[in-house]
Amino acid sequence: MEQQTIKKKSKVTPLIWGLLFGFIFGFLLQKGGATKYNIILGQLLLKDFTVLKIMLSAVVTGMIGIYFMKALGWIELHPKTGSVGKSVVGGLIFGIGFAVLGYCPGTIVGAVGNGYLDALFGGVVGILLGTWLFALVYPKLKGKFLKIGNFGTMTLPELLKVNAWIVIVPLAIIIILFLRWIESAGL
């Protein structure tokens, strides 16, 4: 009797890839200056668009990279369900933290790596405190508010019923042209 071997996917490998790409992204955030408070403040005051340039560049790179890896069969996408309620709650939590401290979660980690104590004590403690508070109120939110305007796991290409590249290529071109315009305008 022949025994079949079932190939199990390692749960560690995606974590290693995530950690590797996280370090690369953090390094690039730091090199781009997005971990500096004055750069972030300049973005919030619409005087310095460094953060916007970095994030839009990351969107284009990530969008193309993820769908390229998906096309090669290296990854599978498993989008989480979304809703207007989830977006509002997430936006409020993110916005309050950003307004109070001047860092977003990604730049907090980069700023801690730079040795900024405000990011370490205010940011990391704020993330832990915010997570704890959200966990406390989550049972009350999940049955009602978070389900408002539920749009499921549908992606834009699925909504439009087109191949993903039909959305990715024009969107990437628009973002790149916008980035070039920002650069040429000296913003």
N, C-alpha and C. Protein backbone atom coordinates (compact mmCIF):
# COMPACT_ATOMS: atom_id res chain seq x y z
N MET A 1 0.84 -1.19 0.00
CA MET A 1 0.00 0.00 0.00
C MET A 1 0.88 1.25 0.00
N GLU A 2 0.64 2.07 -0.94
CA GLU A 2 1.44 3.28 -1.10
C GLU A 2 0.95 4.37 -0.15
N GLN A 3 1.87 4.97 0.55
CA GLN A 3 1.48 6.06 1.45
C GLN A 3 1.60 7.39 0.73
N GLN A 4 0.56 8.17 0.89
CA GLN A 4 0.61 9.50 0.31
C GLN A 4 1.16 10.46 1.35
N THR A 5 2.01 11.31 0.89
CA THR A 5 2.51 12.35 1.80
C THR A 5 1.80 13.64 1.46
N ILE A 6 1.30 14.24 2.48
CA ILE A 6 0.61 15.52 2.29
C ILE A 6 1.58 16.63 2.65
N LYS A 7 1.75 17.48 1.69
CA LYS A 7 2.68 18.59 1.89
C LYS A 7 1.97 19.69 2.68
N LYS A 8 2.48 19.94 3.88
CA LYS A 8 1.91 21.00 4.72
C LYS A 8 2.63 22.30 4.46
N LYS A 9 1.84 23.37 4.41
CA LYS A 9 2.45 24.68 4.27
C LYS A 9 2.95 25.13 5.63
N SER A 10 4.13 25.66 5.65
CA SER A 10 4.69 26.16 6.90
C SER A 10 4.02 27.47 7.29
N LYS A 11 3.68 27.59 8.56
CA LYS A 11 3.09 28.84 9.04
C LYS A 11 4.18 29.85 9.38
N VAL A 12 5.41 29.38 9.47
CA VAL A 12 6.51 30.26 9.83
C VAL A 12 7.00 31.06 8.63
N THR A 13 7.00 30.47 7.45
CA THR A 13 7.54 31.13 6.27
C THR A 13 6.88 32.48 5.98
N PRO A 14 5.55 32.60 5.99
CA PRO A 14 4.95 33.92 5.76
C PRO A 14 5.36 34.94 6.82
N LEU A 15 5.54 34.48 8.05
CA LEU A 15 5.97 35.40 9.11
C LEU A 15 7.38 35.90 8.86
N ILE A 16 8.23 35.02 8.38
CA ILE A 16 9.61 35.43 8.07
C ILE A 16 9.62 36.44 6.93
N TRP A 17 8.82 36.17 5.88
CA TRP A 17 8.72 37.12 4.76
C TRP A 17 8.17 38.45 5.25
N GLY A 18 7.14 38.40 6.09
CA GLY A 18 6.56 39.64 6.63
C GLY A 18 7.57 40.42 7.44
N LEU A 19 8.34 39.72 8.26
CA LEU A 19 9.37 40.38 9.06
C LEU A 19 10.44 41.01 8.17
N LEU A 20 10.87 40.27 7.16
CA LEU A 20 11.88 40.78 6.23
C LEU A 20 11.38 42.04 5.51
N PHE A 21 10.17 41.96 4.95
CA PHE A 21 9.63 43.13 4.25
C PHE A 21 9.35 44.28 5.21
N GLY A 22 8.98 43.95 6.45
CA GLY A 22 8.78 44.98 7.47
C GLY A 22 10.08 45.73 7.76
N PHE A 23 11.18 45.00 7.89
CA PHE A 23 12.48 45.64 8.11
C PHE A 23 12.87 46.52 6.92
N ILE A 24 12.64 46.01 5.72
CA ILE A 24 12.97 46.79 4.52
C ILE A 24 12.13 48.07 4.48
N PHE A 25 10.81 47.93 4.74
CA PHE A 25 9.93 49.10 4.73
C PHE A 25 10.34 50.09 5.81
N GLY A 26 10.65 49.60 7.00
CA GLY A 26 11.09 50.48 8.09
C GLY A 26 12.38 51.20 7.74
N PHE A 27 13.32 50.48 7.13
CA PHE A 27 14.59 51.08 6.71
C PHE A 27 14.32 52.20 5.70
N LEU A 28 13.43 51.92 4.73
CA LEU A 28 13.13 52.94 3.72
C LEU A 28 12.37 54.13 4.32
N LEU A 29 11.48 53.88 5.30
CA LEU A 29 10.82 54.98 5.99
C LEU A 29 11.85 55.87 6.68
N GLN A 30 12.80 55.23 7.35
CA GLN A 30 13.84 55.97 8.06
C GLN A 30 14.71 56.74 7.08
N LYS A 31 15.12 56.11 6.01
CA LYS A 31 15.98 56.78 5.02
C LYS A 31 15.25 57.93 4.34
N GLY A 32 13.93 57.78 4.16
CA GLY A 32 13.14 58.84 3.54
C GLY A 32 12.81 59.99 4.48
N GLY A 33 13.11 59.82 5.76
CA GLY A 33 12.85 60.88 6.74
C GLY A 33 11.47 60.82 7.36
N ALA A 34 10.68 59.78 7.05
CA ALA A 34 9.30 59.72 7.54
C ALA A 34 9.20 59.35 9.01
N THR A 35 10.31 59.07 9.66
CA THR A 35 10.27 58.77 11.09
C THR A 35 10.58 60.01 11.92
N LYS A 36 10.79 61.13 11.26
CA LYS A 36 11.12 62.37 11.98
C LYS A 36 9.84 63.18 12.22
N TYR A 37 9.69 63.61 13.42
CA TYR A 37 8.48 64.33 13.83
C TYR A 37 8.24 65.56 12.96
N ASN A 38 9.30 66.34 12.67
CA ASN A 38 9.10 67.57 11.89
C ASN A 38 8.64 67.29 10.46
N ILE A 39 9.04 66.15 9.90
CA ILE A 39 8.59 65.77 8.56
C ILE A 39 7.10 65.41 8.60
N ILE A 40 6.72 64.65 9.61
CA ILE A 40 5.31 64.25 9.75
C ILE A 40 4.45 65.47 10.03
N LEU A 41 4.91 66.35 10.90
CA LEU A 41 4.17 67.58 11.19
C LEU A 41 4.01 68.42 9.92
N GLY A 42 5.08 68.51 9.13
CA GLY A 42 5.01 69.24 7.85
C GLY A 42 3.96 68.65 6.93
N GLN A 43 3.83 67.31 6.92
CA GLN A 43 2.80 66.66 6.11
C GLN A 43 1.41 67.04 6.62
N LEU A 44 1.23 66.98 7.93
CA LEU A 44 -0.08 67.31 8.51
C LEU A 44 -0.46 68.77 8.26
N LEU A 45 0.54 69.64 8.17
CA LEU A 45 0.28 71.05 7.90
C LEU A 45 0.26 71.37 6.41
N LEU A 46 0.40 70.32 5.58
CA LEU A 46 0.42 70.43 4.11
C LEU A 46 1.55 71.33 3.62
N LYS A 47 2.71 71.23 4.28
CA LYS A 47 3.89 72.00 3.88
C LYS A 47 5.01 71.11 3.35
N ASP A 48 5.02 69.84 3.75
CA ASP A 48 6.07 68.91 3.36
C ASP A 48 5.39 67.60 2.96
N PHE A 49 5.53 67.21 1.70
CA PHE A 49 4.81 66.04 1.19
C PHE A 49 5.68 64.79 1.11
N THR A 50 6.74 64.75 1.90
CA THR A 50 7.63 63.59 1.92
C THR A 50 6.88 62.32 2.28
N VAL A 51 6.06 62.36 3.31
CA VAL A 51 5.33 61.17 3.75
C VAL A 51 4.36 60.70 2.66
N LEU A 52 3.65 61.62 2.04
CA LEU A 52 2.73 61.25 0.96
C LEU A 52 3.48 60.58 -0.18
N LYS A 53 4.64 61.12 -0.54
CA LYS A 53 5.43 60.54 -1.62
C LYS A 53 5.87 59.12 -1.27
N ILE A 54 6.32 58.94 -0.04
CA ILE A 54 6.76 57.60 0.40
C ILE A 54 5.59 56.62 0.39
N MET A 55 4.47 57.04 0.93
CA MET A 55 3.32 56.13 1.03
C MET A 55 2.74 55.79 -0.34
N LEU A 56 2.64 56.77 -1.23
CA LEU A 56 2.13 56.47 -2.57
C LEU A 56 3.11 55.58 -3.34
N SER A 57 4.40 55.79 -3.14
CA SER A 57 5.40 54.90 -3.76
C SER A 57 5.24 53.48 -3.23
N ALA A 58 4.97 53.36 -1.92
CA ALA A 58 4.76 52.04 -1.32
C ALA A 58 3.48 51.40 -1.86
N VAL A 59 2.44 52.20 -2.08
CA VAL A 59 1.18 51.66 -2.63
C VAL A 59 1.43 51.08 -4.02
N VAL A 60 2.12 51.82 -4.88
CA VAL A 60 2.40 51.34 -6.24
C VAL A 60 3.26 50.08 -6.18
N THR A 61 4.33 50.12 -5.40
CA THR A 61 5.23 48.97 -5.29
C THR A 61 4.50 47.76 -4.73
N GLY A 62 3.73 47.97 -3.66
CA GLY A 62 3.01 46.87 -3.04
C GLY A 62 1.93 46.30 -3.94
N MET A 63 1.19 47.17 -4.60
CA MET A 63 0.11 46.75 -5.48
C MET A 63 0.65 45.88 -6.62
N ILE A 64 1.70 46.35 -7.26
CA ILE A 64 2.30 45.59 -8.36
C ILE A 64 2.96 44.32 -7.82
N GLY A 65 3.70 44.45 -6.73
CA GLY A 65 4.42 43.30 -6.16
C GLY A 65 3.50 42.20 -5.70
N ILE A 66 2.43 42.55 -5.01
CA ILE A 66 1.51 41.53 -4.49
C ILE A 66 0.82 40.79 -5.63
N TYR A 67 0.34 41.53 -6.61
CA TYR A 67 -0.36 40.86 -7.71
C TYR A 67 0.60 40.10 -8.63
N PHE A 68 1.84 40.54 -8.71
CA PHE A 68 2.86 39.79 -9.47
C PHE A 68 3.13 38.47 -8.76
N MET A 69 3.32 38.51 -7.42
CA MET A 69 3.55 37.28 -6.67
C MET A 69 2.34 36.36 -6.72
N LYS A 70 1.15 36.94 -6.74
CA LYS A 70 -0.09 36.14 -6.85
C LYS A 70 -0.13 35.46 -8.22
N ALA A 71 0.22 36.20 -9.27
CA ALA A 71 0.21 35.63 -10.63
C ALA A 71 1.20 34.47 -10.75
N LEU A 72 2.32 34.55 -10.02
CA LEU A 72 3.31 33.47 -10.05
C LEU A 72 2.93 32.30 -9.15
N GLY A 73 1.85 32.48 -8.37
CA GLY A 73 1.42 31.42 -7.46
C GLY A 73 2.18 31.37 -6.15
N TRP A 74 2.95 32.42 -5.86
CA TRP A 74 3.74 32.46 -4.63
C TRP A 74 2.88 32.75 -3.41
N ILE A 75 1.79 33.48 -3.61
CA ILE A 75 0.93 33.87 -2.50
C ILE A 75 -0.54 33.71 -2.89
N GLU A 76 -1.37 33.66 -1.87
CA GLU A 76 -2.82 33.70 -2.06
C GLU A 76 -3.32 34.91 -1.28
N LEU A 77 -4.30 35.58 -1.82
CA LEU A 77 -4.87 36.73 -1.13
C LEU A 77 -6.10 36.29 -0.34
N HIS A 78 -6.18 36.78 0.87
CA HIS A 78 -7.32 36.50 1.74
C HIS A 78 -7.77 37.81 2.38
N PRO A 79 -8.45 38.66 1.60
CA PRO A 79 -8.87 39.95 2.15
C PRO A 79 -9.82 39.77 3.33
N LYS A 80 -9.72 40.65 4.29
CA LYS A 80 -10.64 40.67 5.43
C LYS A 80 -11.92 41.41 5.02
N THR A 81 -12.99 41.11 5.72
CA THR A 81 -14.23 41.82 5.41
C THR A 81 -14.11 43.27 5.84
N GLY A 82 -14.77 44.11 5.12
CA GLY A 82 -14.74 45.54 5.43
C GLY A 82 -16.14 46.10 5.58
N SER A 83 -16.21 47.24 6.22
CA SER A 83 -17.49 47.93 6.37
C SER A 83 -17.22 49.40 6.64
N VAL A 84 -18.24 50.20 6.46
CA VAL A 84 -18.12 51.62 6.78
C VAL A 84 -17.87 51.78 8.28
N GLY A 85 -18.57 50.99 9.10
CA GLY A 85 -18.39 51.06 10.55
C GLY A 85 -16.96 50.76 10.97
N LYS A 86 -16.36 49.72 10.39
CA LYS A 86 -14.97 49.38 10.71
C LYS A 86 -14.02 50.50 10.27
N SER A 87 -14.29 51.07 9.11
CA SER A 87 -13.44 52.16 8.61
C SER A 87 -13.52 53.39 9.51
N VAL A 88 -14.73 53.70 10.00
CA VAL A 88 -14.91 54.85 10.88
C VAL A 88 -14.17 54.63 12.20
N VAL A 89 -14.36 53.46 12.82
CA VAL A 89 -13.69 53.17 14.09
C VAL A 89 -12.18 53.16 13.91
N GLY A 90 -11.71 52.47 12.88
CA GLY A 90 -10.27 52.42 12.62
C GLY A 90 -9.69 53.79 12.33
N GLY A 91 -10.42 54.59 11.54
CA GLY A 91 -9.97 55.94 11.22
C GLY A 91 -9.90 56.83 12.44
N LEU A 92 -10.87 56.70 13.32
CA LEU A 92 -10.86 57.49 14.56
C LEU A 92 -9.70 57.12 15.46
N ILE A 93 -9.49 55.81 15.65
CA ILE A 93 -8.37 55.36 16.49
C ILE A 93 -7.05 55.83 15.90
N PHE A 94 -6.87 55.61 14.60
CA PHE A 94 -5.64 56.01 13.92
C PHE A 94 -5.47 57.53 14.00
N GLY A 95 -6.54 58.26 13.69
CA GLY A 95 -6.47 59.72 13.67
C GLY A 95 -6.17 60.33 15.02
N ILE A 96 -6.80 59.82 16.07
CA ILE A 96 -6.54 60.34 17.42
C ILE A 96 -5.09 60.09 17.80
N GLY A 97 -4.62 58.87 17.57
CA GLY A 97 -3.22 58.57 17.88
C GLY A 97 -2.25 59.42 17.09
N PHE A 98 -2.54 59.61 15.81
CA PHE A 98 -1.69 60.42 14.94
C PHE A 98 -1.68 61.88 15.40
N ALA A 99 -2.86 62.40 15.74
CA ALA A 99 -2.97 63.81 16.15
C ALA A 99 -2.28 64.05 17.49
N VAL A 100 -2.41 63.10 18.41
CA VAL A 100 -1.83 63.28 19.75
C VAL A 100 -0.32 63.17 19.71
N LEU A 101 0.20 62.19 19.00
CA LEU A 101 1.64 61.91 19.05
C LEU A 101 2.41 62.38 17.83
N GLY A 102 1.76 62.45 16.67
CA GLY A 102 2.46 62.86 15.46
C GLY A 102 3.14 61.72 14.74
N TYR A 103 2.80 60.50 15.09
CA TYR A 103 3.35 59.32 14.42
C TYR A 103 2.21 58.39 14.06
N CYS A 104 2.38 57.62 12.99
CA CYS A 104 1.46 56.52 12.70
C CYS A 104 2.15 55.24 13.16
N PRO A 105 1.46 54.11 13.20
CA PRO A 105 2.10 52.89 13.72
C PRO A 105 3.42 52.53 13.04
N GLY A 106 3.50 52.65 11.73
CA GLY A 106 4.74 52.32 11.03
C GLY A 106 5.87 53.26 11.38
N THR A 107 5.58 54.55 11.45
CA THR A 107 6.64 55.51 11.76
C THR A 107 7.02 55.46 13.23
N ILE A 108 6.12 54.99 14.10
CA ILE A 108 6.48 54.82 15.52
C ILE A 108 7.61 53.82 15.63
N VAL A 109 7.47 52.69 14.96
CA VAL A 109 8.51 51.65 15.03
C VAL A 109 9.83 52.19 14.47
N GLY A 110 9.76 52.91 13.34
CA GLY A 110 10.97 53.49 12.78
C GLY A 110 11.59 54.52 13.71
N ALA A 111 10.76 55.34 14.35
CA ALA A 111 11.27 56.36 15.27
C ALA A 111 11.88 55.71 16.52
N VAL A 112 11.30 54.61 16.99
CA VAL A 112 11.91 53.87 18.11
C VAL A 112 13.28 53.37 17.69
N GLY A 113 13.38 52.88 16.45
CA GLY A 113 14.67 52.44 15.92
C GLY A 113 15.69 53.56 15.85
N ASN A 114 15.21 54.79 15.67
CA ASN A 114 16.10 55.96 15.67
C ASN A 114 16.47 56.40 17.08
N GLY A 115 15.78 55.83 18.07
CA GLY A 115 16.07 56.18 19.46
C GLY A 115 15.22 57.30 20.02
N TYR A 116 14.12 57.65 19.35
CA TYR A 116 13.26 58.74 19.83
C TYR A 116 12.40 58.24 20.99
N LEU A 117 12.61 58.81 22.17
CA LEU A 117 11.92 58.36 23.37
C LEU A 117 10.42 58.66 23.34
N ASP A 118 10.03 59.75 22.66
CA ASP A 118 8.59 60.04 22.58
C ASP A 118 7.86 58.92 21.84
N ALA A 119 8.50 58.37 20.82
CA ALA A 119 7.90 57.26 20.09
C ALA A 119 7.89 55.99 20.93
N LEU A 120 8.95 55.77 21.69
CA LEU A 120 9.02 54.58 22.52
C LEU A 120 7.96 54.61 23.61
N PHE A 121 7.96 55.68 24.40
CA PHE A 121 7.04 55.73 25.54
C PHE A 121 5.64 56.14 25.13
N GLY A 122 5.52 57.19 24.34
CA GLY A 122 4.19 57.61 23.90
C GLY A 122 3.60 56.69 22.86
N GLY A 123 4.40 56.29 21.88
CA GLY A 123 3.90 55.48 20.77
C GLY A 123 3.62 54.05 21.13
N VAL A 124 4.62 53.37 21.65
CA VAL A 124 4.44 51.95 21.97
C VAL A 124 3.42 51.79 23.10
N VAL A 125 3.51 52.63 24.11
CA VAL A 125 2.53 52.58 25.20
C VAL A 125 1.14 52.93 24.66
N GLY A 126 1.07 53.91 23.76
CA GLY A 126 -0.21 54.29 23.16
C GLY A 126 -0.82 53.17 22.34
N ILE A 127 0.01 52.46 21.58
CA ILE A 127 -0.49 51.32 20.80
C ILE A 127 -1.03 50.24 21.73
N LEU A 128 -0.29 49.93 22.77
CA LEU A 128 -0.74 48.91 23.72
C LEU A 128 -2.01 49.34 24.44
N LEU A 129 -2.06 50.59 24.87
CA LEU A 129 -3.24 51.10 25.56
C LEU A 129 -4.46 51.14 24.61
N GLY A 130 -4.24 51.62 23.41
CA GLY A 130 -5.32 51.67 22.42
C GLY A 130 -5.84 50.29 22.07
N THR A 131 -4.94 49.32 21.94
CA THR A 131 -5.34 47.94 21.66
C THR A 131 -6.18 47.38 22.81
N TRP A 132 -5.74 47.64 24.02
CA TRP A 132 -6.46 47.17 25.21
C TRP A 132 -7.86 47.80 25.28
N LEU A 133 -7.93 49.12 25.05
CA LEU A 133 -9.24 49.80 25.09
C LEU A 133 -10.17 49.27 24.00
N PHE A 134 -9.62 49.04 22.81
CA PHE A 134 -10.44 48.51 21.72
C PHE A 134 -10.95 47.12 22.06
N ALA A 135 -10.08 46.29 22.66
CA ALA A 135 -10.50 44.95 23.07
C ALA A 135 -11.63 45.01 24.09
N LEU A 136 -11.61 46.02 24.94
CA LEU A 136 -12.68 46.17 25.94
C LEU A 136 -14.02 46.53 25.30
N VAL A 137 -14.01 47.42 24.31
CA VAL A 137 -15.27 47.87 23.71
C VAL A 137 -15.69 47.02 22.50
N TYR A 138 -14.80 46.18 22.02
CA TYR A 138 -15.09 45.38 20.83
C TYR A 138 -16.38 44.56 20.95
N PRO A 139 -16.62 43.87 22.07
CA PRO A 139 -17.87 43.09 22.15
C PRO A 139 -19.12 43.94 21.94
N LYS A 140 -19.10 45.19 22.34
CA LYS A 140 -20.26 46.06 22.15
C LYS A 140 -20.35 46.58 20.71
N LEU A 141 -19.21 46.72 20.05
CA LEU A 141 -19.18 47.25 18.69
C LEU A 141 -19.45 46.18 17.63
N LYS A 142 -19.00 44.96 17.87
CA LYS A 142 -19.03 43.94 16.80
C LYS A 142 -20.43 43.56 16.33
N GLY A 143 -21.39 43.57 17.22
CA GLY A 143 -22.73 43.17 16.83
C GLY A 143 -23.51 44.27 16.14
N LYS A 144 -23.11 45.50 16.31
CA LYS A 144 -23.91 46.61 15.79
C LYS A 144 -23.10 47.48 14.85
N PHE A 145 -22.32 48.34 15.44
CA PHE A 145 -21.67 49.42 14.70
C PHE A 145 -20.70 48.93 13.62
N LEU A 146 -19.89 47.93 13.92
CA LEU A 146 -18.88 47.49 12.96
C LEU A 146 -19.47 46.86 11.71
N LYS A 147 -20.73 46.44 11.76
CA LYS A 147 -21.37 45.82 10.59
C LYS A 147 -22.09 46.82 9.69
N ILE A 148 -22.15 48.08 10.11
CA ILE A 148 -22.83 49.09 9.31
C ILE A 148 -22.10 49.25 7.97
N GLY A 149 -22.84 49.16 6.88
CA GLY A 149 -22.25 49.35 5.54
C GLY A 149 -21.29 48.25 5.15
N ASN A 150 -21.58 47.01 5.53
CA ASN A 150 -20.69 45.89 5.25
C ASN A 150 -20.52 45.70 3.74
N PHE A 151 -19.26 45.67 3.27
CA PHE A 151 -19.01 45.42 1.85
C PHE A 151 -18.21 44.15 1.63
N GLY A 152 -18.11 43.31 2.66
CA GLY A 152 -17.49 41.98 2.51
C GLY A 152 -16.02 42.02 2.16
N THR A 153 -15.60 41.02 1.40
CA THR A 153 -14.18 40.88 1.04
C THR A 153 -13.90 41.29 -0.40
N MET A 154 -14.85 41.92 -1.04
CA MET A 154 -14.73 42.25 -2.45
C MET A 154 -13.61 43.29 -2.70
N THR A 155 -12.79 43.00 -3.68
CA THR A 155 -11.76 43.95 -4.09
C THR A 155 -12.29 44.77 -5.26
N LEU A 156 -11.60 45.85 -5.60
CA LEU A 156 -12.04 46.70 -6.70
C LEU A 156 -12.11 45.94 -8.03
N PRO A 157 -11.10 45.13 -8.38
CA PRO A 157 -11.23 44.35 -9.63
C PRO A 157 -12.44 43.40 -9.61
N GLU A 158 -12.72 42.80 -8.45
CA GLU A 158 -13.88 41.92 -8.36
C GLU A 158 -15.18 42.72 -8.52
N LEU A 159 -15.23 43.88 -7.92
CA LEU A 159 -16.40 44.73 -8.04
C LEU A 159 -16.66 45.11 -9.50
N LEU A 160 -15.58 45.45 -10.21
CA LEU A 160 -15.68 45.84 -11.61
C LEU A 160 -15.76 44.64 -12.56
N LYS A 161 -15.52 43.43 -12.02
CA LYS A 161 -15.54 42.19 -12.81
C LYS A 161 -14.52 42.23 -13.95
N VAL A 162 -13.29 42.65 -13.59
CA VAL A 162 -12.21 42.71 -14.57
C VAL A 162 -10.97 42.05 -13.99
N ASN A 163 -10.04 41.73 -14.85
CA ASN A 163 -8.74 41.23 -14.42
C ASN A 163 -8.08 42.31 -13.55
N ALA A 164 -7.40 41.90 -12.50
CA ALA A 164 -6.78 42.85 -11.56
C ALA A 164 -5.85 43.84 -12.26
N TRP A 165 -5.13 43.39 -13.29
CA TRP A 165 -4.18 44.27 -13.97
C TRP A 165 -4.88 45.41 -14.71
N ILE A 166 -6.15 45.25 -15.04
CA ILE A 166 -6.92 46.31 -15.69
C ILE A 166 -7.10 47.49 -14.72
N VAL A 167 -7.09 47.21 -13.44
CA VAL A 167 -7.19 48.25 -12.42
C VAL A 167 -5.80 48.72 -12.00
N ILE A 168 -4.88 47.78 -11.81
CA ILE A 168 -3.54 48.09 -11.28
C ILE A 168 -2.75 48.99 -12.21
N VAL A 169 -2.67 48.67 -13.48
CA VAL A 169 -1.82 49.43 -14.41
C VAL A 169 -2.28 50.90 -14.51
N PRO A 170 -3.56 51.18 -14.80
CA PRO A 170 -3.95 52.60 -14.86
C PRO A 170 -3.79 53.33 -13.52
N LEU A 171 -4.11 52.63 -12.43
CA LEU A 171 -3.97 53.26 -11.12
C LEU A 171 -2.50 53.57 -10.81
N ALA A 172 -1.61 52.64 -11.14
CA ALA A 172 -0.18 52.88 -10.94
C ALA A 172 0.29 54.07 -11.78
N ILE A 173 -0.17 54.15 -13.02
CA ILE A 173 0.21 55.27 -13.90
C ILE A 173 -0.29 56.59 -13.32
N ILE A 174 -1.53 56.62 -12.85
CA ILE A 174 -2.10 57.84 -12.26
C ILE A 174 -1.29 58.27 -11.03
N ILE A 175 -0.97 57.30 -10.17
CA ILE A 175 -0.20 57.63 -8.96
C ILE A 175 1.19 58.14 -9.33
N ILE A 176 1.84 57.49 -10.28
CA ILE A 176 3.18 57.92 -10.70
C ILE A 176 3.14 59.33 -11.31
N LEU A 177 2.15 59.60 -12.14
CA LEU A 177 2.00 60.95 -12.71
C LEU A 177 1.74 61.99 -11.63
N PHE A 178 0.92 61.63 -10.64
CA PHE A 178 0.66 62.52 -9.51
C PHE A 178 1.95 62.79 -8.72
N LEU A 179 2.74 61.75 -8.50
CA LEU A 179 4.03 61.91 -7.79
C LEU A 179 4.97 62.82 -8.58
N ARG A 180 5.01 62.64 -9.89
CA ARG A 180 5.86 63.51 -10.72
C ARG A 180 5.38 64.96 -10.64
N TRP A 181 4.06 65.17 -10.63
CA TRP A 181 3.51 66.52 -10.53
C TRP A 181 3.89 67.15 -9.18
N ILE A 182 3.77 66.39 -8.10
CA ILE A 182 4.15 66.90 -6.77
C ILE A 182 5.61 67.31 -6.77
N GLU A 183 6.46 66.46 -7.35
CA GLU A 183 7.90 66.74 -7.41
C GLU A 183 8.19 67.98 -8.25
N SER A 184 7.54 68.09 -9.41
CA SER A 184 7.78 69.24 -10.29
C SER A 184 7.26 70.54 -9.69
N ALA A 185 6.20 70.44 -8.86
CA ALA A 185 5.64 71.62 -8.21
C ALA A 185 6.45 72.02 -6.98
N GLY A 186 7.45 71.21 -6.64
CA GLY A 186 8.30 71.53 -5.48
C GLY A 186 7.63 71.27 -4.15
N LEU A 187 6.64 70.41 -4.13
CA LEU A 187 5.92 70.13 -2.89
C LEU A 187 6.55 68.99 -2.10
